[in-house]
Amino acid sequence: MVMIALGNSSGQSDGRVALVTGGARGIGLGIVRRFLTDGYQVAFVATRAEHVERALDLLGRPEERLYAEQIDITRHNDVRAVVDRIRALWGDIAILVNNAGVSPKRVNQDVPWLSQTSAEEWARVIDVNLTGPFVLMRLLAPAMIAKRYGRIINVGSLAGRAMPMIAGPHYAASKAGLVGLTRAAARDLAPHGITVNCIAPGRILSDLTGPPDAAVNRSALDRIPVGRFGTAEEVAHVAAFLASPIAGFITGATIDITGGEFAA
């Protein structure tokens, strides 16, 4: 674990402190940027130090409202320590966005995914994509219950909602599990003023998905009724709404942001 940046303490900020995992790139960075624009004090974590540094440069390093660390989300003691530091800085975390995720790439297109997925790779994907959100939800829920307010947003995927066309079985299983975890936690926490929802993006262009003219993206475009790819900013708009007080009657929902590729 490497500490990258530390925001300046500005006292207690009930309801205005957000934590975003996987916040250094793509959808996560879009959500961090939007939350800063909306006036939140935002902490984010990511796995690689160079990604955190680049994100801080892109965000302009507003240190009075921004805290960032490089951390492996599967190291639960380190996660707990990060949460403690955020609480010491700004008070309790009211908004949690579980965005961190890994999606291994297929090595051989002619060999079934299952044959290429080792038990170790399976365990790593489940640990990051599903166990990580569970651990953070369990860690933050008691303070949210005490305040009778909280917003938990899990970032799933189209791969967890429909037959996965690109992602592997471990990724699809983890994201489908995240939808189930969202519903279970929503039922459990609703009486305490806490909402738990899931966002399920489709093909969102970022440095993670590659250029629009990549073969995998051209193939995906044929399946999207609106005829274009989504953006991290569009996902961030939905996250901002779910994080707000006006979304208090929405819980246990999965909101698909797929350009019509998935329509339940």
C-alpha atoms as a PDB file:
ATOM      1  CA  MET A   1       0.000   0.000   0.000  1.00  0.00           C
ATOM      2  CA  VAL A   2       1.272   3.459  -0.943  1.00  0.00           C
ATOM      3  CA  MET A   3      -0.336   6.700   0.156  1.00  0.00           C
ATOM      4  CA  ILE A   4      -0.476   9.091  -2.797  1.00  0.00           C
ATOM      5  CA  ALA A   5      -2.343  12.194  -1.681  1.00  0.00           C
ATOM      6  CA  LEU A   6      -3.983  13.496   1.440  1.00  0.00           C
ATOM      7  CA  GLY A   7      -6.727  16.088   1.521  1.00  0.00           C
ATOM      8  CA  ASN A   8      -6.814  18.838   4.115  1.00  0.00           C
ATOM      9  CA  SER A   9      -9.089  18.335   7.094  1.00  0.00           C
ATOM     10  CA  SER A  10     -12.206  20.473   7.029  1.00  0.00           C
ATOM     11  CA  GLY A  11     -14.130  18.947   9.913  1.00  0.00           C
ATOM     12  CA  GLN A  12     -17.245  16.797   9.886  1.00  0.00           C
ATOM     13  CA  SER A  13     -19.184  16.657   6.623  1.00  0.00           C
ATOM     14  CA  ASP A  14     -22.222  14.478   7.232  1.00  0.00           C
ATOM     15  CA  GLY A  15     -23.727  13.244   3.992  1.00  0.00           C
ATOM     16  CA  ARG A  16     -21.039  14.807   1.818  1.00  0.00           C
ATOM     17  CA  VAL A  17     -18.192  12.275   2.015  1.00  0.00           C
ATOM     18  CA  ALA A  18     -17.895   9.729  -0.800  1.00  0.00           C
ATOM     19  CA  LEU A  19     -15.563   6.794  -1.356  1.00  0.00           C
ATOM     20  CA  VAL A  20     -15.043   5.455  -4.886  1.00  0.00           C
ATOM     21  CA  THR A  21     -13.040   2.286  -5.486  1.00  0.00           C
ATOM     22  CA  GLY A  22     -11.294   1.894  -8.815  1.00  0.00           C
ATOM     23  CA  GLY A  23     -11.497   5.664  -9.119  1.00  0.00           C
ATOM     24  CA  ALA A  24      -8.374   6.384 -11.143  1.00  0.00           C
ATOM     25  CA  ARG A  25      -9.589   5.507 -14.645  1.00  0.00           C
ATOM     26  CA  GLY A  26     -12.621   5.074 -16.828  1.00  0.00           C
ATOM     27  CA  ILE A  27     -16.013   4.996 -15.142  1.00  0.00           C
ATOM     28  CA  GLY A  28     -14.514   5.420 -11.680  1.00  0.00           C
ATOM     29  CA  LEU A  29     -12.649   8.580 -12.653  1.00  0.00           C
ATOM     30  CA  GLY A  30     -15.784   9.933 -14.284  1.00  0.00           C
ATOM     31  CA  ILE A  31     -17.710   9.410 -11.042  1.00  0.00           C
ATOM     32  CA  VAL A  32     -14.959  11.028  -8.945  1.00  0.00           C
ATOM     33  CA  ARG A  33     -14.938  14.055 -11.244  1.00  0.00           C
ATOM     34  CA  ARG A  34     -18.732  14.375 -11.118  1.00  0.00           C
ATOM     35  CA  PHE A  35     -18.837  14.067  -7.314  1.00  0.00           C
ATOM     36  CA  LEU A  36     -16.212  16.804  -6.998  1.00  0.00           C
ATOM     37  CA  THR A  37     -18.302  19.004  -9.277  1.00  0.00           C
ATOM     38  CA  ASP A  38     -21.320  18.323  -7.064  1.00  0.00           C
ATOM     39  CA  GLY A  39     -19.406  19.519  -4.004  1.00  0.00           C
ATOM     40  CA  TYR A  40     -18.643  16.238  -2.268  1.00  0.00           C
ATOM     41  CA  GLN A  41     -15.452  15.456  -0.438  1.00  0.00           C
ATOM     42  CA  VAL A  42     -14.201  12.496  -2.416  1.00  0.00           C
ATOM     43  CA  ALA A  43     -11.792   9.719  -1.552  1.00  0.00           C
ATOM     44  CA  PHE A  44     -10.779   7.217  -4.188  1.00  0.00           C
ATOM     45  CA  VAL A  45      -8.541   4.175  -4.280  1.00  0.00           C
ATOM     46  CA  ALA A  46      -6.958   2.248  -7.121  1.00  0.00           C
ATOM     47  CA  THR A  47      -4.543  -0.625  -7.517  1.00  0.00           C
ATOM     48  CA  ARG A  48      -1.687   1.060  -9.370  1.00  0.00           C
ATOM     49  CA  ALA A  49       0.180   4.102  -8.076  1.00  0.00           C
ATOM     50  CA  GLU A  50       0.852   5.519 -11.546  1.00  0.00           C
ATOM     51  CA  HIS A  51      -2.870   5.485 -12.325  1.00  0.00           C
ATOM     52  CA  VAL A  52      -3.606   7.361  -9.109  1.00  0.00           C
ATOM     53  CA  GLU A  53      -0.987   9.985  -9.912  1.00  0.00           C
ATOM     54  CA  ARG A  54      -2.336  10.464 -13.427  1.00  0.00           C
ATOM     55  CA  ALA A  55      -5.885  10.807 -12.112  1.00  0.00           C
ATOM     56  CA  LEU A  56      -4.803  13.437  -9.595  1.00  0.00           C
ATOM     57  CA  ASP A  57      -3.179  15.431 -12.384  1.00  0.00           C
ATOM     58  CA  LEU A  58      -6.325  15.199 -14.510  1.00  0.00           C
ATOM     59  CA  LEU A  59      -8.470  16.304 -11.578  1.00  0.00           C
ATOM     60  CA  GLY A  60      -6.262  19.281 -10.789  1.00  0.00           C
ATOM     61  CA  ARG A  61      -5.402  18.016  -7.283  1.00  0.00           C
ATOM     62  CA  PRO A  62      -8.070  19.905  -5.266  1.00  0.00           C
ATOM     63  CA  GLU A  63      -6.511  18.700  -2.018  1.00  0.00           C
ATOM     64  CA  GLU A  64      -9.073  20.253   0.308  1.00  0.00           C
ATOM     65  CA  ARG A  65     -11.739  17.922  -1.093  1.00  0.00           C
ATOM     66  CA  LEU A  66      -9.793  14.999  -2.509  1.00  0.00           C
ATOM     67  CA  TYR A  67      -8.044  12.021  -0.932  1.00  0.00           C
ATOM     68  CA  ALA A  68      -6.424   9.189  -2.854  1.00  0.00           C
ATOM     69  CA  GLU A  69      -4.490   6.032  -2.117  1.00  0.00           C
ATOM     70  CA  GLN A  70      -3.002   3.149  -4.020  1.00  0.00           C
ATOM     71  CA  ILE A  71      -4.345  -0.045  -2.483  1.00  0.00           C
ATOM     72  CA  ASP A  72      -5.201  -3.650  -3.293  1.00  0.00           C
ATOM     73  CA  ILE A  73      -8.915  -3.913  -2.498  1.00  0.00           C
ATOM     74  CA  THR A  74      -8.487  -7.583  -1.535  1.00  0.00           C
ATOM     75  CA  ARG A  75      -6.191  -6.704   1.387  1.00  0.00           C
ATOM     76  CA  HIS A  76      -8.942  -6.182   3.911  1.00  0.00           C
ATOM     77  CA  ASN A  77      -6.796  -4.840   6.737  1.00  0.00           C
ATOM     78  CA  ASP A  78      -5.457  -2.166   4.395  1.00  0.00           C
ATOM     79  CA  VAL A  79      -8.996  -1.313   3.300  1.00  0.00           C
ATOM     80  CA  ARG A  80     -10.016  -0.892   6.925  1.00  0.00           C
ATOM     81  CA  ALA A  81      -7.026   1.372   7.534  1.00  0.00           C
ATOM     82  CA  VAL A  82      -7.939   3.568   4.557  1.00  0.00           C
ATOM     83  CA  VAL A  83     -11.485   3.932   5.844  1.00  0.00           C
ATOM     84  CA  ASP A  84     -10.144   4.925   9.256  1.00  0.00           C
ATOM     85  CA  ARG A  85      -7.965   7.612   7.686  1.00  0.00           C
ATOM     86  CA  ILE A  86     -10.866   9.032   5.697  1.00  0.00           C
ATOM     87  CA  ARG A  87     -13.019   9.136   8.824  1.00  0.00           C
ATOM     88  CA  ALA A  88     -10.266  10.908  10.762  1.00  0.00           C
ATOM     89  CA  LEU A  89     -10.030  13.460   7.976  1.00  0.00           C
ATOM     90  CA  TRP A  90     -13.659  14.183   7.142  1.00  0.00           C
ATOM     91  CA  GLY A  91     -15.958  12.056   9.294  1.00  0.00           C
ATOM     92  CA  ASP A  92     -18.131   9.119   8.319  1.00  0.00           C
ATOM     93  CA  ILE A  93     -18.482   8.031   4.712  1.00  0.00           C
ATOM     94  CA  ALA A  94     -22.061   8.515   3.509  1.00  0.00           C
ATOM     95  CA  ILE A  95     -21.654   7.407  -0.105  1.00  0.00           C
ATOM     96  CA  LEU A  96     -19.879   4.255  -1.277  1.00  0.00           C
ATOM     97  CA  VAL A  97     -19.301   3.463  -4.941  1.00  0.00           C
ATOM     98  CA  ASN A  98     -17.976  -0.064  -5.458  1.00  0.00           C
ATOM     99  CA  ASN A  99     -16.454   0.342  -8.896  1.00  0.00           C
ATOM    100  CA  ALA A 100     -13.145  -1.556  -8.653  1.00  0.00           C
ATOM    101  CA  GLY A 101     -13.061  -4.532 -10.944  1.00  0.00           C
ATOM    102  CA  VAL A 102     -10.831  -6.811 -12.988  1.00  0.00           C
ATOM    103  CA  SER A 103     -11.670  -8.519 -16.258  1.00  0.00           C
ATOM    104  CA  PRO A 104      -8.959 -10.849 -17.593  1.00  0.00           C
ATOM    105  CA  LYS A 105      -8.636 -11.017 -21.359  1.00  0.00           C
ATOM    106  CA  ARG A 106      -9.153 -14.137 -23.411  1.00  0.00           C
ATOM    107  CA  VAL A 107      -5.857 -15.589 -24.566  1.00  0.00           C
ATOM    108  CA  ASN A 108      -7.002 -18.023 -27.274  1.00  0.00           C
ATOM    109  CA  GLN A 109     -10.217 -17.325 -29.160  1.00  0.00           C
ATOM    110  CA  ASP A 110     -10.391 -20.953 -30.333  1.00  0.00           C
ATOM    111  CA  VAL A 111     -10.371 -22.454 -26.828  1.00  0.00           C
ATOM    112  CA  PRO A 112     -13.430 -22.183 -24.516  1.00  0.00           C
ATOM    113  CA  TRP A 113     -13.154 -19.577 -21.768  1.00  0.00           C
ATOM    114  CA  LEU A 114     -13.710 -22.214 -19.080  1.00  0.00           C
ATOM    115  CA  SER A 115     -10.659 -24.138 -20.234  1.00  0.00           C
ATOM    116  CA  GLN A 116      -8.531 -21.001 -19.983  1.00  0.00           C
ATOM    117  CA  THR A 117      -9.725 -19.955 -16.520  1.00  0.00           C
ATOM    118  CA  SER A 118      -7.561 -21.237 -13.704  1.00  0.00           C
ATOM    119  CA  ALA A 119      -8.846 -21.576 -10.159  1.00  0.00           C
ATOM    120  CA  GLU A 120      -6.393 -18.869  -9.120  1.00  0.00           C
ATOM    121  CA  GLU A 121      -7.671 -16.441 -11.748  1.00  0.00           C
ATOM    122  CA  TRP A 122     -11.268 -17.248 -10.800  1.00  0.00           C
ATOM    123  CA  ALA A 123     -10.528 -16.524  -7.136  1.00  0.00           C
ATOM    124  CA  ARG A 124      -8.828 -13.204  -7.927  1.00  0.00           C
ATOM    125  CA  VAL A 125     -11.755 -11.941 -10.010  1.00  0.00           C
ATOM    126  CA  ILE A 126     -14.318 -12.953  -7.377  1.00  0.00           C
ATOM    127  CA  ASP A 127     -12.189 -11.398  -4.615  1.00  0.00           C
ATOM    128  CA  VAL A 128     -11.958  -8.037  -6.366  1.00  0.00           C
ATOM    129  CA  ASN A 129     -15.351  -7.804  -8.059  1.00  0.00           C
ATOM    130  CA  LEU A 130     -17.623  -9.364  -5.442  1.00  0.00           C
ATOM    131  CA  THR A 131     -15.918  -9.918  -2.102  1.00  0.00           C
ATOM    132  CA  GLY A 132     -14.371  -6.435  -2.145  1.00  0.00           C
ATOM    133  CA  PRO A 133     -17.773  -4.697  -2.343  1.00  0.00           C
ATOM    134  CA  PHE A 134     -19.167  -6.992   0.357  1.00  0.00           C
ATOM    135  CA  VAL A 135     -16.315  -6.174   2.736  1.00  0.00           C
ATOM    136  CA  LEU A 136     -16.681  -2.421   2.236  1.00  0.00           C
ATOM    137  CA  MET A 137     -20.467  -2.509   2.567  1.00  0.00           C
ATOM    138  CA  ARG A 138     -20.175  -4.459   5.828  1.00  0.00           C
ATOM    139  CA  LEU A 139     -17.479  -2.085   7.049  1.00  0.00           C
ATOM    140  CA  LEU A 140     -19.378   1.142   6.330  1.00  0.00           C
ATOM    141  CA  ALA A 141     -22.933   0.036   7.109  1.00  0.00           C
ATOM    142  CA  PRO A 142     -22.797   0.432  10.926  1.00  0.00           C
ATOM    143  CA  ALA A 143     -21.995   4.162  10.729  1.00  0.00           C
ATOM    144  CA  MET A 144     -24.628   4.653   8.037  1.00  0.00           C
ATOM    145  CA  ILE A 145     -27.169   2.856  10.230  1.00  0.00           C
ATOM    146  CA  ALA A 146     -26.246   5.079  13.168  1.00  0.00           C
ATOM    147  CA  LYS A 147     -26.784   8.188  11.020  1.00  0.00           C
ATOM    148  CA  ARG A 148     -29.873   6.677   9.366  1.00  0.00           C
ATOM    149  CA  TYR A 149     -28.520   7.729   5.998  1.00  0.00           C
ATOM    150  CA  GLY A 150     -26.360   6.165   3.330  1.00  0.00           C
ATOM    151  CA  ARG A 151     -25.999   5.579  -0.382  1.00  0.00           C
ATOM    152  CA  ILE A 152     -24.313   2.454  -1.747  1.00  0.00           C
ATOM    153  CA  ILE A 153     -23.813   2.146  -5.496  1.00  0.00           C
ATOM    154  CA  ASN A 154     -22.374  -1.032  -6.974  1.00  0.00           C
ATOM    155  CA  VAL A 155     -21.024  -0.920 -10.514  1.00  0.00           C
ATOM    156  CA  GLY A 156     -21.965  -4.127 -12.274  1.00  0.00           C
ATOM    157  CA  SER A 157     -21.953  -4.890 -15.969  1.00  0.00           C
ATOM    158  CA  LEU A 158     -24.064  -5.973 -18.894  1.00  0.00           C
ATOM    159  CA  ALA A 159     -22.055  -9.211 -18.636  1.00  0.00           C
ATOM    160  CA  GLY A 160     -23.842  -9.941 -15.363  1.00  0.00           C
ATOM    161  CA  ARG A 161     -27.283  -9.317 -16.864  1.00  0.00           C
ATOM    162  CA  ALA A 162     -27.208 -11.124 -20.199  1.00  0.00           C
ATOM    163  CA  MET A 163     -25.140 -13.714 -22.028  1.00  0.00           C
ATOM    164  CA  PRO A 164     -21.591 -12.307 -21.959  1.00  0.00           C
ATOM    165  CA  MET A 165     -20.285 -11.680 -25.458  1.00  0.00           C
ATOM    166  CA  ILE A 166     -16.801 -10.503 -24.489  1.00  0.00           C
ATOM    167  CA  ALA A 167     -16.142 -11.131 -20.790  1.00  0.00           C
ATOM    168  CA  GLY A 168     -15.152 -14.440 -19.240  1.00  0.00           C
ATOM    169  CA  PRO A 169     -17.132 -16.707 -16.898  1.00  0.00           C
ATOM    170  CA  HIS A 170     -15.432 -15.375 -13.758  1.00  0.00           C
ATOM    171  CA  TYR A 171     -16.268 -11.757 -14.640  1.00  0.00           C
ATOM    172  CA  ALA A 172     -19.853 -12.588 -15.606  1.00  0.00           C
ATOM    173  CA  ALA A 173     -20.374 -14.613 -12.418  1.00  0.00           C
ATOM    174  CA  SER A 174     -18.928 -11.864 -10.225  1.00  0.00           C
ATOM    175  CA  LYS A 175     -21.121  -9.180 -11.786  1.00  0.00           C
ATOM    176  CA  ALA A 176     -24.248 -11.345 -11.613  1.00  0.00           C
ATOM    177  CA  GLY A 177     -23.395 -11.977  -7.970  1.00  0.00           C
ATOM    178  CA  LEU A 178     -23.094  -8.236  -7.410  1.00  0.00           C
ATOM    179  CA  VAL A 179     -26.681  -7.794  -8.584  1.00  0.00           C
ATOM    180  CA  GLY A 180     -27.815 -10.396  -6.047  1.00  0.00           C
ATOM    181  CA  LEU A 181     -25.730  -8.813  -3.303  1.00  0.00           C
ATOM    182  CA  THR A 182     -27.273  -5.444  -4.133  1.00  0.00           C
ATOM    183  CA  ARG A 183     -30.785  -6.795  -3.696  1.00  0.00           C
ATOM    184  CA  ALA A 184     -29.970  -8.608  -0.449  1.00  0.00           C
ATOM    185  CA  ALA A 185     -28.252  -5.573   1.059  1.00  0.00           C
ATOM    186  CA  ALA A 186     -31.041  -3.262  -0.085  1.00  0.00           C
ATOM    187  CA  ARG A 187     -33.619  -5.358   1.753  1.00  0.00           C
ATOM    188  CA  ASP A 188     -31.428  -5.478   4.853  1.00  0.00           C
ATOM    189  CA  LEU A 189     -30.553  -1.787   5.012  1.00  0.00           C
ATOM    190  CA  ALA A 190     -33.710  -0.084   3.735  1.00  0.00           C
ATOM    191  CA  PRO A 191     -35.289   0.256   7.220  1.00  0.00           C
ATOM    192  CA  HIS A 192     -32.216   2.253   8.267  1.00  0.00           C
ATOM    193  CA  GLY A 193     -32.421   4.958   5.606  1.00  0.00           C
ATOM    194  CA  ILE A 194     -29.766   3.395   3.378  1.00  0.00           C
ATOM    195  CA  THR A 195     -30.271   2.719  -0.317  1.00  0.00           C
ATOM    196  CA  VAL A 196     -28.300   0.105  -2.256  1.00  0.00           C
ATOM    197  CA  ASN A 197     -28.433   0.112  -6.035  1.00  0.00           C
ATOM    198  CA  CYS A 198     -26.471  -1.284  -8.960  1.00  0.00           C
ATOM    199  CA  ILE A 199     -25.448   0.339 -12.232  1.00  0.00           C
ATOM    200  CA  ALA A 200     -24.883  -2.075 -15.123  1.00  0.00           C
ATOM    201  CA  PRO A 201     -22.958  -0.383 -17.932  1.00  0.00           C
ATOM    202  CA  GLY A 202     -22.658  -1.804 -21.407  1.00  0.00           C
ATOM    203  CA  ARG A 203     -19.843  -0.840 -23.773  1.00  0.00           C
ATOM    204  CA  ILE A 204     -18.400   2.355 -22.312  1.00  0.00           C
ATOM    205  CA  LEU A 205     -15.421   3.789 -24.169  1.00  0.00           C
ATOM    206  CA  SER A 206     -12.346   4.437 -22.070  1.00  0.00           C
ATOM    207  CA  ASP A 207      -8.663   3.568 -22.011  1.00  0.00           C
ATOM    208  CA  LEU A 208      -9.758   0.176 -20.639  1.00  0.00           C
ATOM    209  CA  THR A 209     -11.922  -0.745 -23.656  1.00  0.00           C
ATOM    210  CA  GLY A 210      -9.537   0.568 -26.286  1.00  0.00           C
ATOM    211  CA  PRO A 211     -10.164   2.696 -29.400  1.00  0.00           C
ATOM    212  CA  PRO A 212     -13.568   2.707 -31.117  1.00  0.00           C
ATOM    213  CA  ASP A 213     -12.159   1.083 -34.250  1.00  0.00           C
ATOM    214  CA  ALA A 214     -10.746  -1.933 -32.399  1.00  0.00           C
ATOM    215  CA  ALA A 215     -12.230  -5.177 -33.704  1.00  0.00           C
ATOM    216  CA  VAL A 216     -13.910  -6.040 -30.408  1.00  0.00           C
ATOM    217  CA  ASN A 217     -15.546  -2.598 -30.281  1.00  0.00           C
ATOM    218  CA  ARG A 218     -16.712  -2.677 -33.889  1.00  0.00           C
ATOM    219  CA  SER A 219     -18.383  -6.017 -33.164  1.00  0.00           C
ATOM    220  CA  ALA A 220     -20.016  -4.644 -30.026  1.00  0.00           C
ATOM    221  CA  LEU A 221     -21.334  -1.588 -31.865  1.00  0.00           C
ATOM    222  CA  ASP A 222     -23.485  -3.791 -34.088  1.00  0.00           C
ATOM    223  CA  ARG A 223     -25.396  -4.919 -30.983  1.00  0.00           C
ATOM    224  CA  ILE A 224     -26.148  -1.434 -29.595  1.00  0.00           C
ATOM    225  CA  PRO A 225     -29.511  -0.052 -30.823  1.00  0.00           C
ATOM    226  CA  VAL A 226     -28.601   3.629 -30.289  1.00  0.00           C
ATOM    227  CA  GLY A 227     -25.661   3.121 -32.638  1.00  0.00           C
ATOM    228  CA  ARG A 228     -22.854   4.454 -30.459  1.00  0.00           C
ATOM    229  CA  PHE A 229     -20.788   3.702 -27.378  1.00  0.00           C
ATOM    230  CA  GLY A 230     -21.480   5.130 -23.948  1.00  0.00           C
ATOM    231  CA  THR A 231     -19.238   7.493 -22.006  1.00  0.00           C
ATOM    232  CA  ALA A 232     -17.977   7.501 -18.445  1.00  0.00           C
ATOM    233  CA  GLU A 233     -19.710  10.842 -17.970  1.00  0.00           C
ATOM    234  CA  GLU A 234     -23.094   9.292 -18.785  1.00  0.00           C
ATOM    235  CA  VAL A 235     -22.560   6.612 -16.165  1.00  0.00           C
ATOM    236  CA  ALA A 236     -21.430   9.263 -13.683  1.00  0.00           C
ATOM    237  CA  HIS A 237     -24.681  11.198 -14.172  1.00  0.00           C
ATOM    238  CA  VAL A 238     -26.657   8.157 -13.017  1.00  0.00           C
ATOM    239  CA  ALA A 239     -24.322   7.581 -10.075  1.00  0.00           C
ATOM    240  CA  ALA A 240     -24.722  11.231  -9.035  1.00  0.00           C
ATOM    241  CA  PHE A 241     -28.494  10.872  -9.028  1.00  0.00           C
ATOM    242  CA  LEU A 242     -28.440   7.654  -6.995  1.00  0.00           C
ATOM    243  CA  ALA A 243     -26.035   9.292  -4.528  1.00  0.00           C
ATOM    244  CA  SER A 244     -28.320  12.263  -3.965  1.00  0.00           C
ATOM    245  CA  PRO A 245     -30.999  12.668  -1.273  1.00  0.00           C
ATOM    246  CA  ILE A 246     -33.736  12.835  -3.927  1.00  0.00           C
ATOM    247  CA  ALA A 247     -33.130   9.166  -4.842  1.00  0.00           C
ATOM    248  CA  GLY A 248     -34.289   7.935  -1.452  1.00  0.00           C
ATOM    249  CA  PHE A 249     -37.182   5.843  -2.809  1.00  0.00           C
ATOM    250  CA  ILE A 250     -34.967   3.859  -5.194  1.00  0.00           C
ATOM    251  CA  THR A 251     -33.282   0.817  -3.703  1.00  0.00           C
ATOM    252  CA  GLY A 252     -32.498  -2.715  -4.807  1.00  0.00           C
ATOM    253  CA  ALA A 253     -32.586  -1.569  -8.430  1.00  0.00           C
ATOM    254  CA  THR A 254     -30.218  -2.366 -11.259  1.00  0.00           C
ATOM    255  CA  ILE A 255     -30.060   0.426 -13.816  1.00  0.00           C
ATOM    256  CA  ASP A 256     -28.833  -0.623 -17.241  1.00  0.00           C
ATOM    257  CA  ILE A 257     -26.741   1.886 -19.170  1.00  0.00           C
ATOM    258  CA  THR A 258     -26.306  -0.035 -22.389  1.00  0.00           C
ATOM    259  CA  GLY A 259     -27.753   2.029 -25.232  1.00  0.00           C
ATOM    260  CA  GLY A 260     -30.546  -0.527 -25.475  1.00  0.00           C
ATOM    261  CA  GLU A 261     -28.289  -3.562 -25.802  1.00  0.00           C
ATOM    262  CA  PHE A 262     -30.022  -5.022 -22.756  1.00  0.00           C
ATOM    263  CA  ALA A 263     -33.716  -4.347 -22.261  1.00  0.00           C
ATOM    264  CA  ALA A 264     -35.329  -6.351 -19.466  1.00  0.00           C
END
